[in-house]
Amino acid sequence: MQIWKGARFTYTSPMARWLLSRPSSTKLFVGGLSYDTNETVLKDAFEMHGEIIEVKVICDHKSGKSKGYGFVHFTTEIAASNALKEMNDKILDGRNIRVQCVHKR
C-alpha cells in the first residue's frame, strides 16, 4: 500500500517494505572456482536453474589464466535466486564454490 506524502511515496505495508528491502539481483558472483573452470563449464553448471544472459570467468590479462572467480547473469531474479540457493557451497570441478548476489550500487 502506498500513501502519497508530498513528492514521495511512503510504504506502510510490511509486504511492501519487505519487497523493497530484500536483496534482489539477476547477477551472481561465483567464487572459489578451479583455475581450470572455463565459461562453458560454469554455464553448464548453472543453466539448469534458468535462462542465462552472460557467463564470465575473470582471467589475468597477462597470463590469460583464471583468477578463480566469475559471474553468471540470469534473465530473471527468480532464476538467479534458485541458482543461489542450489549452487552455493556445491562442488564444481573439484572445488567448493561460493555464490552471492551482485548488488548494484
PDB file of N, CA and C in Angstrom:
ATOM      1  N   MET A   1       0.832  -1.175   0.000  1.00  0.00           N
ATOM      2  CA  MET A   1       0.000   0.000   0.000  1.00  0.00           C
ATOM      3  C   MET A   1       0.873   1.233   0.000  1.00  0.00           C
ATOM      4  N   GLN A   2       0.532   2.215  -0.844  1.00  0.00           N
ATOM      5  CA  GLN A   2       1.293   3.449  -0.920  1.00  0.00           C
ATOM      6  C   GLN A   2       0.436   4.600  -0.417  1.00  0.00           C
ATOM      7  N   ILE A   3       1.057   5.480   0.310  1.00  0.00           N
ATOM      8  CA  ILE A   3       0.385   6.701   0.731  1.00  0.00           C
ATOM      9  C   ILE A   3       1.188   7.863   0.178  1.00  0.00           C
ATOM     10  N   TRP A   4       0.529   8.735  -0.527  1.00  0.00           N
ATOM     11  CA  TRP A   4       1.195   9.873  -1.142  1.00  0.00           C
ATOM     12  C   TRP A   4       1.481  10.915  -0.079  1.00  0.00           C
ATOM     13  N   LYS A   5       2.738  11.313   0.066  1.00  0.00           N
ATOM     14  CA  LYS A   5       3.130  12.360   1.011  1.00  0.00           C
ATOM     15  C   LYS A   5       4.032  13.317   0.260  1.00  0.00           C
ATOM     16  N   GLY A   6       3.493  14.395  -0.161  1.00  0.00           N
ATOM     17  CA  GLY A   6       4.291  15.377  -0.896  1.00  0.00           C
ATOM     18  C   GLY A   6       4.820  14.784  -2.180  1.00  0.00           C
ATOM     19  N   ALA A   7       6.128  14.835  -2.342  1.00  0.00           N
ATOM     20  CA  ALA A   7       6.754  14.343  -3.567  1.00  0.00           C
ATOM     21  C   ALA A   7       7.258  12.914  -3.430  1.00  0.00           C
ATOM     22  N   ARG A   8       6.954  12.245  -2.301  1.00  0.00           N
ATOM     23  CA  ARG A   8       7.441  10.886  -2.098  1.00  0.00           C
ATOM     24  C   ARG A   8       6.299   9.953  -1.709  1.00  0.00           C
ATOM     25  N   PHE A   9       6.533   8.662  -1.982  1.00  0.00           N
ATOM     26  CA  PHE A   9       5.606   7.637  -1.533  1.00  0.00           C
ATOM     27  C   PHE A   9       6.110   7.079  -0.210  1.00  0.00           C
ATOM     28  N   THR A  10       5.204   6.826   0.698  1.00  0.00           N
ATOM     29  CA  THR A  10       5.530   6.145   1.932  1.00  0.00           C
ATOM     30  C   THR A  10       4.903   4.767   1.862  1.00  0.00           C
ATOM     31  N   TYR A  11       5.698   3.763   2.111  1.00  0.00           N
ATOM     32  CA  TYR A  11       5.205   2.395   2.050  1.00  0.00           C
ATOM     33  C   TYR A  11       4.868   1.950   3.472  1.00  0.00           C
ATOM     34  N   THR A  12       3.604   1.692   3.698  1.00  0.00           N
ATOM     35  CA  THR A  12       3.161   1.331   5.043  1.00  0.00           C
ATOM     36  C   THR A  12       2.958  -0.160   5.224  1.00  0.00           C
ATOM     37  N   SER A  13       2.754  -0.871   4.174  1.00  0.00           N
ATOM     38  CA  SER A  13       2.523  -2.306   4.252  1.00  0.00           C
ATOM     39  C   SER A  13       3.823  -3.042   4.569  1.00  0.00           C
ATOM     40  N   PRO A  14       3.809  -3.996   5.504  1.00  0.00           N
ATOM     41  CA  PRO A  14       5.016  -4.791   5.766  1.00  0.00           C
ATOM     42  C   PRO A  14       5.503  -5.522   4.514  1.00  0.00           C
ATOM     43  N   MET A  15       4.571  -6.005   3.689  1.00  0.00           N
ATOM     44  CA  MET A  15       4.956  -6.689   2.453  1.00  0.00           C
ATOM     45  C   MET A  15       5.686  -5.730   1.518  1.00  0.00           C
ATOM     46  N   ALA A  16       5.201  -4.502   1.393  1.00  0.00           N
ATOM     47  CA  ALA A  16       5.856  -3.520   0.520  1.00  0.00           C
ATOM     48  C   ALA A  16       7.259  -3.209   1.034  1.00  0.00           C
ATOM     49  N   ARG A  17       7.412  -3.057   2.340  1.00  0.00           N
ATOM     50  CA  ARG A  17       8.742  -2.790   2.904  1.00  0.00           C
ATOM     51  C   ARG A  17       9.671  -3.965   2.663  1.00  0.00           C
ATOM     52  N   TRP A  18       9.159  -5.196   2.816  1.00  0.00           N
ATOM     53  CA  TRP A  18       9.984  -6.372   2.591  1.00  0.00           C
ATOM     54  C   TRP A  18      10.436  -6.468   1.132  1.00  0.00           C
ATOM     55  N   LEU A  19       9.506  -6.220   0.208  1.00  0.00           N
ATOM     56  CA  LEU A  19       9.840  -6.301  -1.214  1.00  0.00           C
ATOM     57  C   LEU A  19      10.914  -5.291  -1.595  1.00  0.00           C
ATOM     58  N   LEU A  20      10.855  -4.116  -1.007  1.00  0.00           N
ATOM     59  CA  LEU A  20      11.835  -3.091  -1.340  1.00  0.00           C
ATOM     60  C   LEU A  20      13.177  -3.323  -0.657  1.00  0.00           C
ATOM     61  N   SER A  21      13.192  -3.987   0.485  1.00  0.00           N
ATOM     62  CA  SER A  21      14.434  -4.152   1.231  1.00  0.00           C
ATOM     63  C   SER A  21      15.162  -5.457   0.923  1.00  0.00           C
ATOM     64  N   ARG A  22      14.483  -6.432   0.325  1.00  0.00           N
ATOM     65  CA  ARG A  22      15.110  -7.729   0.094  1.00  0.00           C
ATOM     66  C   ARG A  22      16.196  -7.628  -0.966  1.00  0.00           C
ATOM     67  N   PRO A  23      17.258  -8.399  -0.805  1.00  0.00           N
ATOM     68  CA  PRO A  23      18.282  -8.404  -1.828  1.00  0.00           C
ATOM     69  C   PRO A  23      17.738  -9.032  -3.105  1.00  0.00           C
ATOM     70  N   SER A  24      17.903  -8.361  -4.199  1.00  0.00           N
ATOM     71  CA  SER A  24      17.440  -8.923  -5.462  1.00  0.00           C
ATOM     72  C   SER A  24      18.428  -8.568  -6.550  1.00  0.00           C
ATOM     73  N   SER A  25      18.700  -9.524  -7.358  1.00  0.00           N
ATOM     74  CA  SER A  25      19.640  -9.310  -8.441  1.00  0.00           C
ATOM     75  C   SER A  25      19.485 -10.450  -9.436  1.00  0.00           C
ATOM     76  N   THR A  26      19.838 -10.171 -10.651  1.00  0.00           N
ATOM     77  CA  THR A  26      19.859 -11.221 -11.658  1.00  0.00           C
ATOM     78  C   THR A  26      21.288 -11.666 -11.935  1.00  0.00           C
ATOM     79  N   LYS A  27      22.246 -11.027 -11.273  1.00  0.00           N
ATOM     80  CA  LYS A  27      23.653 -11.344 -11.490  1.00  0.00           C
ATOM     81  C   LYS A  27      24.243 -11.942 -10.223  1.00  0.00           C
ATOM     82  N   LEU A  28      24.974 -13.054 -10.399  1.00  0.00           N
ATOM     83  CA  LEU A  28      25.587 -13.755  -9.281  1.00  0.00           C
ATOM     84  C   LEU A  28      27.102 -13.752  -9.404  1.00  0.00           C
ATOM     85  N   PHE A  29      27.759 -13.591  -8.272  1.00  0.00           N
ATOM     86  CA  PHE A  29      29.201 -13.748  -8.158  1.00  0.00           C
ATOM     87  C   PHE A  29      29.456 -15.204  -7.791  1.00  0.00           C
ATOM     88  N   VAL A  30      30.421 -15.829  -8.448  1.00  0.00           N
ATOM     89  CA  VAL A  30      30.784 -17.211  -8.145  1.00  0.00           C
ATOM     90  C   VAL A  30      32.274 -17.235  -7.825  1.00  0.00           C
ATOM     91  N   GLY A  31      32.593 -17.520  -6.568  1.00  0.00           N
ATOM     92  CA  GLY A  31      33.981 -17.555  -6.120  1.00  0.00           C
ATOM     93  C   GLY A  31      34.415 -18.970  -5.805  1.00  0.00           C
ATOM     94  N   GLY A  32      35.714 -19.125  -5.651  1.00  0.00           N
ATOM     95  CA  GLY A  32      36.262 -20.432  -5.321  1.00  0.00           C
ATOM     96  C   GLY A  32      36.356 -21.373  -6.509  1.00  0.00           C
ATOM     97  N   LEU A  33      36.323 -20.826  -7.707  1.00  0.00           N
ATOM     98  CA  LEU A  33      36.396 -21.658  -8.909  1.00  0.00           C
ATOM     99  C   LEU A  33      37.779 -22.265  -9.065  1.00  0.00           C
ATOM    100  N   SER A  34      37.811 -23.442  -9.623  1.00  0.00           N
ATOM    101  CA  SER A  34      39.075 -24.054 -10.018  1.00  0.00           C
ATOM    102  C   SER A  34      39.690 -23.173 -11.107  1.00  0.00           C
ATOM    103  N   TYR A  35      41.009 -23.127 -11.133  1.00  0.00           N
ATOM    104  CA  TYR A  35      41.671 -22.334 -12.175  1.00  0.00           C
ATOM    105  C   TYR A  35      41.470 -22.952 -13.562  1.00  0.00           C
ATOM    106  N   ASP A  36      40.975 -24.185 -13.603  1.00  0.00           N
ATOM    107  CA  ASP A  36      40.686 -24.851 -14.875  1.00  0.00           C
ATOM    108  C   ASP A  36      39.251 -24.643 -15.344  1.00  0.00           C
ATOM    109  N   THR A  37      38.401 -24.073 -14.493  1.00  0.00           N
ATOM    110  CA  THR A  37      36.995 -23.860 -14.867  1.00  0.00           C
ATOM    111  C   THR A  37      36.907 -22.738 -15.891  1.00  0.00           C
ATOM    112  N   ASN A  38      36.253 -23.033 -17.012  1.00  0.00           N
ATOM    113  CA  ASN A  38      36.069 -22.009 -18.045  1.00  0.00           C
ATOM    114  C   ASN A  38      34.588 -21.611 -18.110  1.00  0.00           C
ATOM    115  N   GLU A  39      34.263 -20.692 -18.999  1.00  0.00           N
ATOM    116  CA  GLU A  39      32.889 -20.182 -19.101  1.00  0.00           C
ATOM    117  C   GLU A  39      31.892 -21.259 -19.521  1.00  0.00           C
ATOM    118  N   THR A  40      32.304 -22.187 -20.353  1.00  0.00           N
ATOM    119  CA  THR A  40      31.413 -23.262 -20.782  1.00  0.00           C
ATOM    120  C   THR A  40      31.030 -24.156 -19.599  1.00  0.00           C
ATOM    121  N   VAL A  41      31.999 -24.517 -18.792  1.00  0.00           N
ATOM    122  CA  VAL A  41      31.747 -25.359 -17.616  1.00  0.00           C
ATOM    123  C   VAL A  41      30.831 -24.625 -16.636  1.00  0.00           C
ATOM    124  N   LEU A  42      31.101 -23.341 -16.410  1.00  0.00           N
ATOM    125  CA  LEU A  42      30.286 -22.549 -15.487  1.00  0.00           C
ATOM    126  C   LEU A  42      28.853 -22.424 -15.995  1.00  0.00           C
ATOM    127  N   LYS A  43      28.696 -22.175 -17.280  1.00  0.00           N
ATOM    128  CA  LYS A  43      27.351 -22.066 -17.855  1.00  0.00           C
ATOM    129  C   LYS A  43      26.603 -23.392 -17.748  1.00  0.00           C
ATOM    130  N   ASP A  44      27.277 -24.480 -18.072  1.00  0.00           N
ATOM    131  CA  ASP A  44      26.636 -25.798 -17.985  1.00  0.00           C
ATOM    132  C   ASP A  44      26.160 -26.110 -16.566  1.00  0.00           C
ATOM    133  N   ALA A  45      26.915 -25.667 -15.573  1.00  0.00           N
ATOM    134  CA  ALA A  45      26.552 -25.940 -14.181  1.00  0.00           C
ATOM    135  C   ALA A  45      25.349 -25.122 -13.725  1.00  0.00           C
ATOM    136  N   PHE A  46      25.190 -23.909 -14.275  1.00  0.00           N
ATOM    137  CA  PHE A  46      24.145 -23.005 -13.791  1.00  0.00           C
ATOM    138  C   PHE A  46      22.899 -22.952 -14.670  1.00  0.00           C
ATOM    139  N   GLU A  47      22.968 -23.378 -15.912  1.00  0.00           N
ATOM    140  CA  GLU A  47      21.847 -23.162 -16.822  1.00  0.00           C
ATOM    141  C   GLU A  47      20.604 -23.981 -16.497  1.00  0.00           C
ATOM    142  N   MET A  48      20.726 -24.998 -15.655  1.00  0.00           N
ATOM    143  CA  MET A  48      19.540 -25.776 -15.272  1.00  0.00           C
ATOM    144  C   MET A  48      18.606 -24.958 -14.377  1.00  0.00           C
ATOM    145  N   HIS A  49      19.073 -23.827 -13.880  1.00  0.00           N
ATOM    146  CA  HIS A  49      18.266 -23.003 -12.979  1.00  0.00           C
ATOM    147  C   HIS A  49      17.524 -21.880 -13.692  1.00  0.00           C
ATOM    148  N   GLY A  50      17.796 -21.681 -14.957  1.00  0.00           N
ATOM    149  CA  GLY A  50      17.093 -20.659 -15.718  1.00  0.00           C
ATOM    150  C   GLY A  50      17.922 -20.144 -16.886  1.00  0.00           C
ATOM    151  N   GLU A  51      17.288 -19.289 -17.663  1.00  0.00           N
ATOM    152  CA  GLU A  51      17.946 -18.742 -18.850  1.00  0.00           C
ATOM    153  C   GLU A  51      19.050 -17.767 -18.453  1.00  0.00           C
ATOM    154  N   ILE A  52      20.200 -17.939 -19.066  1.00  0.00           N
ATOM    155  CA  ILE A  52      21.381 -17.139 -18.751  1.00  0.00           C
ATOM    156  C   ILE A  52      21.628 -16.127 -19.861  1.00  0.00           C
ATOM    157  N   ILE A  53      21.942 -14.903 -19.456  1.00  0.00           N
ATOM    158  CA  ILE A  53      22.289 -13.841 -20.401  1.00  0.00           C
ATOM    159  C   ILE A  53      23.785 -13.901 -20.730  1.00  0.00           C
ATOM    160  N   GLU A  54      24.595 -14.046 -19.669  1.00  0.00           N
ATOM    161  CA  GLU A  54      26.048 -13.998 -19.860  1.00  0.00           C
ATOM    162  C   GLU A  54      26.753 -14.743 -18.732  1.00  0.00           C
ATOM    163  N   VAL A  55      27.858 -15.381 -19.074  1.00  0.00           N
ATOM    164  CA  VAL A  55      28.741 -16.019 -18.100  1.00  0.00           C
ATOM    165  C   VAL A  55      30.133 -15.473 -18.352  1.00  0.00           C
ATOM    166  N   LYS A  56      30.813 -15.075 -17.280  1.00  0.00           N
ATOM    167  CA  LYS A  56      32.155 -14.509 -17.434  1.00  0.00           C
ATOM    168  C   LYS A  56      33.057 -15.051 -16.342  1.00  0.00           C
ATOM    169  N   VAL A  57      34.141 -15.712 -16.726  1.00  0.00           N
ATOM    170  CA  VAL A  57      35.188 -16.120 -15.790  1.00  0.00           C
ATOM    171  C   VAL A  57      36.282 -15.067 -15.913  1.00  0.00           C
ATOM    172  N   ILE A  58      36.670 -14.484 -14.792  1.00  0.00           N
ATOM    173  CA  ILE A  58      37.655 -13.408 -14.800  1.00  0.00           C
ATOM    174  C   ILE A  58      39.061 -14.002 -14.878  1.00  0.00           C
ATOM    175  N   CYS A  59      39.823 -13.508 -15.847  1.00  0.00           N
ATOM    176  CA  CYS A  59      41.164 -14.020 -16.102  1.00  0.00           C
ATOM    177  C   CYS A  59      42.205 -12.919 -15.966  1.00  0.00           C
ATOM    178  N   ASP A  60      43.418 -13.324 -15.629  1.00  0.00           N
ATOM    179  CA  ASP A  60      44.549 -12.406 -15.577  1.00  0.00           C
ATOM    180  C   ASP A  60      44.851 -11.916 -16.988  1.00  0.00           C
ATOM    181  N   HIS A  61      45.034 -10.622 -17.145  1.00  0.00           N
ATOM    182  CA  HIS A  61      45.216 -10.083 -18.502  1.00  0.00           C
ATOM    183  C   HIS A  61      46.563 -10.452 -19.116  1.00  0.00           C
ATOM    184  N   LYS A  62      47.551 -10.764 -18.300  1.00  0.00           N
ATOM    185  CA  LYS A  62      48.860 -11.133 -18.847  1.00  0.00           C
ATOM    186  C   LYS A  62      48.941 -12.625 -19.164  1.00  0.00           C
ATOM    187  N   SER A  63      48.588 -13.456 -18.193  1.00  0.00           N
ATOM    188  CA  SER A  63      48.748 -14.904 -18.385  1.00  0.00           C
ATOM    189  C   SER A  63      47.542 -15.551 -19.054  1.00  0.00           C
ATOM    190  N   GLY A  64      46.368 -14.910 -18.957  1.00  0.00           N
ATOM    191  CA  GLY A  64      45.152 -15.485 -19.510  1.00  0.00           C
ATOM    192  C   GLY A  64      44.550 -16.571 -18.630  1.00  0.00           C
ATOM    193  N   LYS A  65      45.143 -16.827 -17.469  1.00  0.00           N
ATOM    194  CA  LYS A  65      44.640 -17.857 -16.551  1.00  0.00           C
ATOM    195  C   LYS A  65      43.543 -17.289 -15.656  1.00  0.00           C
ATOM    196  N   SER A  66      42.618 -18.155 -15.286  1.00  0.00           N
ATOM    197  CA  SER A  66      41.513 -17.771 -14.418  1.00  0.00           C
ATOM    198  C   SER A  66      42.028 -17.254 -13.082  1.00  0.00           C
ATOM    199  N   LYS A  67      41.322 -16.261 -12.537  1.00  0.00           N
ATOM    200  CA  LYS A  67      41.635 -15.753 -11.202  1.00  0.00           C
ATOM    201  C   LYS A  67      40.831 -16.485 -10.127  1.00  0.00           C
ATOM    202  N   GLY A  68      39.978 -17.430 -10.530  1.00  0.00           N
ATOM    203  CA  GLY A  68      39.247 -18.234  -9.563  1.00  0.00           C
ATOM    204  C   GLY A  68      37.871 -17.703  -9.207  1.00  0.00           C
ATOM    205  N   TYR A  69      37.384 -16.753  -9.988  1.00  0.00           N
ATOM    206  CA  TYR A  69      36.019 -16.271  -9.762  1.00  0.00           C
ATOM    207  C   TYR A  69      35.400 -15.816 -11.077  1.00  0.00           C
ATOM    208  N   GLY A  70      34.069 -15.658 -11.033  1.00  0.00           N
ATOM    209  CA  GLY A  70      33.365 -15.236 -12.235  1.00  0.00           C
ATOM    210  C   GLY A  70      31.963 -14.763 -11.896  1.00  0.00           C
ATOM    211  N   PHE A  71      31.181 -14.529 -12.942  1.00  0.00           N
ATOM    212  CA  PHE A  71      29.831 -14.010 -12.798  1.00  0.00           C
ATOM    213  C   PHE A  71      28.882 -14.758 -13.727  1.00  0.00           C
ATOM    214  N   VAL A  72      27.653 -14.956 -13.245  1.00  0.00           N
ATOM    215  CA  VAL A  72      26.595 -15.559 -14.053  1.00  0.00           C
ATOM    216  C   VAL A  72      25.418 -14.604 -13.998  1.00  0.00           C
ATOM    217  N   HIS A  73      24.970 -14.153 -15.174  1.00  0.00           N
ATOM    218  CA  HIS A  73      23.876 -13.183 -15.271  1.00  0.00           C
ATOM    219  C   HIS A  73      22.641 -13.872 -15.854  1.00  0.00           C
ATOM    220  N   PHE A  74      21.579 -13.947 -15.044  1.00  0.00           N
ATOM    221  CA  PHE A  74      20.329 -14.593 -15.453  1.00  0.00           C
ATOM    222  C   PHE A  74      19.340 -13.568 -16.002  1.00  0.00           C
ATOM    223  N   THR A  75      18.316 -14.058 -16.710  1.00  0.00           N
ATOM    224  CA  THR A  75      17.284 -13.170 -17.246  1.00  0.00           C
ATOM    225  C   THR A  75      16.283 -12.751 -16.177  1.00  0.00           C
ATOM    226  N   THR A  76      16.111 -13.561 -15.119  1.00  0.00           N
ATOM    227  CA  THR A  76      15.123 -13.235 -14.088  1.00  0.00           C
ATOM    228  C   THR A  76      15.717 -13.365 -12.691  1.00  0.00           C
ATOM    229  N   GLU A  77      15.142 -12.621 -11.760  1.00  0.00           N
ATOM    230  CA  GLU A  77      15.549 -12.714 -10.361  1.00  0.00           C
ATOM    231  C   GLU A  77      15.224 -14.086  -9.783  1.00  0.00           C
ATOM    232  N   ILE A  78      14.135 -14.678 -10.227  1.00  0.00           N
ATOM    233  CA  ILE A  78      13.730 -15.995  -9.722  1.00  0.00           C
ATOM    234  C   ILE A  78      14.783 -17.043 -10.084  1.00  0.00           C
ATOM    235  N   ALA A  79      15.246 -17.014 -11.316  1.00  0.00           N
ATOM    236  CA  ALA A  79      16.277 -17.970 -11.744  1.00  0.00           C
ATOM    237  C   ALA A  79      17.562 -17.762 -10.953  1.00  0.00           C
ATOM    238  N   ALA A  80      17.945 -16.509 -10.769  1.00  0.00           N
ATOM    239  CA  ALA A  80      19.163 -16.208 -10.009  1.00  0.00           C
ATOM    240  C   ALA A  80      19.019 -16.659  -8.558  1.00  0.00           C
ATOM    241  N   SER A  81      17.868 -16.417  -7.977  1.00  0.00           N
ATOM    242  CA  SER A  81      17.614 -16.817  -6.595  1.00  0.00           C
ATOM    243  C   SER A  81      17.673 -18.335  -6.438  1.00  0.00           C
ATOM    244  N   ASN A  82      17.072 -19.053  -7.370  1.00  0.00           N
ATOM    245  CA  ASN A  82      17.113 -20.516  -7.341  1.00  0.00           C
ATOM    246  C   ASN A  82      18.546 -21.032  -7.480  1.00  0.00           C
ATOM    247  N   ALA A  83      19.296 -20.446  -8.393  1.00  0.00           N
ATOM    248  CA  ALA A  83      20.687 -20.858  -8.589  1.00  0.00           C
ATOM    249  C   ALA A  83      21.509 -20.569  -7.342  1.00  0.00           C
ATOM    250  N   LEU A  84      21.267 -19.436  -6.713  1.00  0.00           N
ATOM    251  CA  LEU A  84      21.976 -19.090  -5.487  1.00  0.00           C
ATOM    252  C   LEU A  84      21.726 -20.137  -4.407  1.00  0.00           C
ATOM    253  N   LYS A  85      20.462 -20.492  -4.212  1.00  0.00           N
ATOM    254  CA  LYS A  85      20.108 -21.479  -3.185  1.00  0.00           C
ATOM    255  C   LYS A  85      20.689 -22.854  -3.490  1.00  0.00           C
ATOM    256  N   GLU A  86      20.639 -23.254  -4.747  1.00  0.00           N
ATOM    257  CA  GLU A  86      21.053 -24.607  -5.116  1.00  0.00           C
ATOM    258  C   GLU A  86      22.562 -24.778  -5.309  1.00  0.00           C
ATOM    259  N   MET A  87      23.240 -23.727  -5.736  1.00  0.00           N
ATOM    260  CA  MET A  87      24.644 -23.875  -6.118  1.00  0.00           C
ATOM    261  C   MET A  87      25.644 -23.416  -5.052  1.00  0.00           C
ATOM    262  N   ASN A  88      25.207 -22.589  -4.114  1.00  0.00           N
ATOM    263  CA  ASN A  88      26.140 -22.119  -3.090  1.00  0.00           C
ATOM    264  C   ASN A  88      26.649 -23.301  -2.267  1.00  0.00           C
ATOM    265  N   ASP A  89      27.955 -23.343  -2.097  1.00  0.00           N
ATOM    266  CA  ASP A  89      28.620 -24.377  -1.306  1.00  0.00           C
ATOM    267  C   ASP A  89      28.593 -25.759  -1.971  1.00  0.00           C
ATOM    268  N   LYS A  90      28.419 -25.797  -3.285  1.00  0.00           N
ATOM    269  CA  LYS A  90      28.457 -27.066  -4.027  1.00  0.00           C
ATOM    270  C   LYS A  90      29.853 -27.267  -4.614  1.00  0.00           C
ATOM    271  N   ILE A  91      30.114 -28.485  -5.058  1.00  0.00           N
ATOM    272  CA  ILE A  91      31.395 -28.821  -5.676  1.00  0.00           C
ATOM    273  C   ILE A  91      31.285 -28.630  -7.190  1.00  0.00           C
ATOM    274  N   LEU A  92      32.234 -27.877  -7.765  1.00  0.00           N
ATOM    275  CA  LEU A  92      32.326 -27.701  -9.213  1.00  0.00           C
ATOM    276  C   LEU A  92      33.792 -27.842  -9.601  1.00  0.00           C
ATOM    277  N   ASP A  93      34.086 -28.742 -10.498  1.00  0.00           N
ATOM    278  CA  ASP A  93      35.475 -29.016 -10.921  1.00  0.00           C
ATOM    279  C   ASP A  93      36.389 -29.303  -9.723  1.00  0.00           C
ATOM    280  N   GLY A  94      35.848 -30.022  -8.725  1.00  0.00           N
ATOM    281  CA  GLY A  94      36.653 -30.402  -7.578  1.00  0.00           C
ATOM    282  C   GLY A  94      36.834 -29.329  -6.519  1.00  0.00           C
ATOM    283  N   ARG A  95      36.164 -28.182  -6.691  1.00  0.00           N
ATOM    284  CA  ARG A  95      36.299 -27.079  -5.726  1.00  0.00           C
ATOM    285  C   ARG A  95      34.941 -26.720  -5.147  1.00  0.00           C
ATOM    286  N   ASN A  96      34.932 -26.328  -3.895  1.00  0.00           N
ATOM    287  CA  ASN A  96      33.727 -25.882  -3.207  1.00  0.00           C
ATOM    288  C   ASN A  96      33.491 -24.405  -3.572  1.00  0.00           C
ATOM    289  N   ILE A  97      32.419 -24.123  -4.323  1.00  0.00           N
ATOM    290  CA  ILE A  97      32.198 -22.756  -4.805  1.00  0.00           C
ATOM    291  C   ILE A  97      31.301 -21.967  -3.840  1.00  0.00           C
ATOM    292  N   ARG A  98      31.459 -20.648  -3.870  1.00  0.00           N
ATOM    293  CA  ARG A  98      30.623 -19.718  -3.111  1.00  0.00           C
ATOM    294  C   ARG A  98      29.844 -18.880  -4.114  1.00  0.00           C
ATOM    295  N   VAL A  99      28.559 -18.734  -3.864  1.00  0.00           N
ATOM    296  CA  VAL A  99      27.705 -17.955  -4.768  1.00  0.00           C
ATOM    297  C   VAL A  99      27.031 -16.856  -3.957  1.00  0.00           C
ATOM    298  N   GLN A 100      27.072 -15.629  -4.487  1.00  0.00           N
ATOM    299  CA  GLN A 100      26.467 -14.475  -3.822  1.00  0.00           C
ATOM    300  C   GLN A 100      25.802 -13.591  -4.869  1.00  0.00           C
ATOM    301  N   CYS A 101      24.772 -12.848  -4.425  1.00  0.00           N
ATOM    302  CA  CYS A 101      24.132 -11.856  -5.306  1.00  0.00           C
ATOM    303  C   CYS A 101      25.069 -10.684  -5.517  1.00  0.00           C
ATOM    304  N   VAL A 102      25.030 -10.143  -6.718  1.00  0.00           N
ATOM    305  CA  VAL A 102      25.755  -8.902  -7.005  1.00  0.00           C
ATOM    306  C   VAL A 102      24.717  -7.792  -6.915  1.00  0.00           C
ATOM    307  N   HIS A 103      24.954  -6.839  -6.021  1.00  0.00           N
ATOM    308  CA  HIS A 103      24.003  -5.738  -5.829  1.00  0.00           C
ATOM    309  C   HIS A 103      24.530  -4.483  -6.512  1.00  0.00           C
ATOM    310  N   LYS A 104      23.648  -3.830  -7.232  1.00  0.00           N
ATOM    311  CA  LYS A 104      24.015  -2.586  -7.902  1.00  0.00           C
ATOM    312  C   LYS A 104      24.139  -1.482  -6.863  1.00  0.00           C
ATOM    313  N   ARG A 105      25.104  -0.622  -7.040  1.00  0.00           N
ATOM    314  CA  ARG A 105      25.284   0.494  -6.118  1.00  0.00           C
ATOM    315  C   ARG A 105      24.877   1.782  -6.754  1.00  0.00           C
TER     316      ARG A 105
END
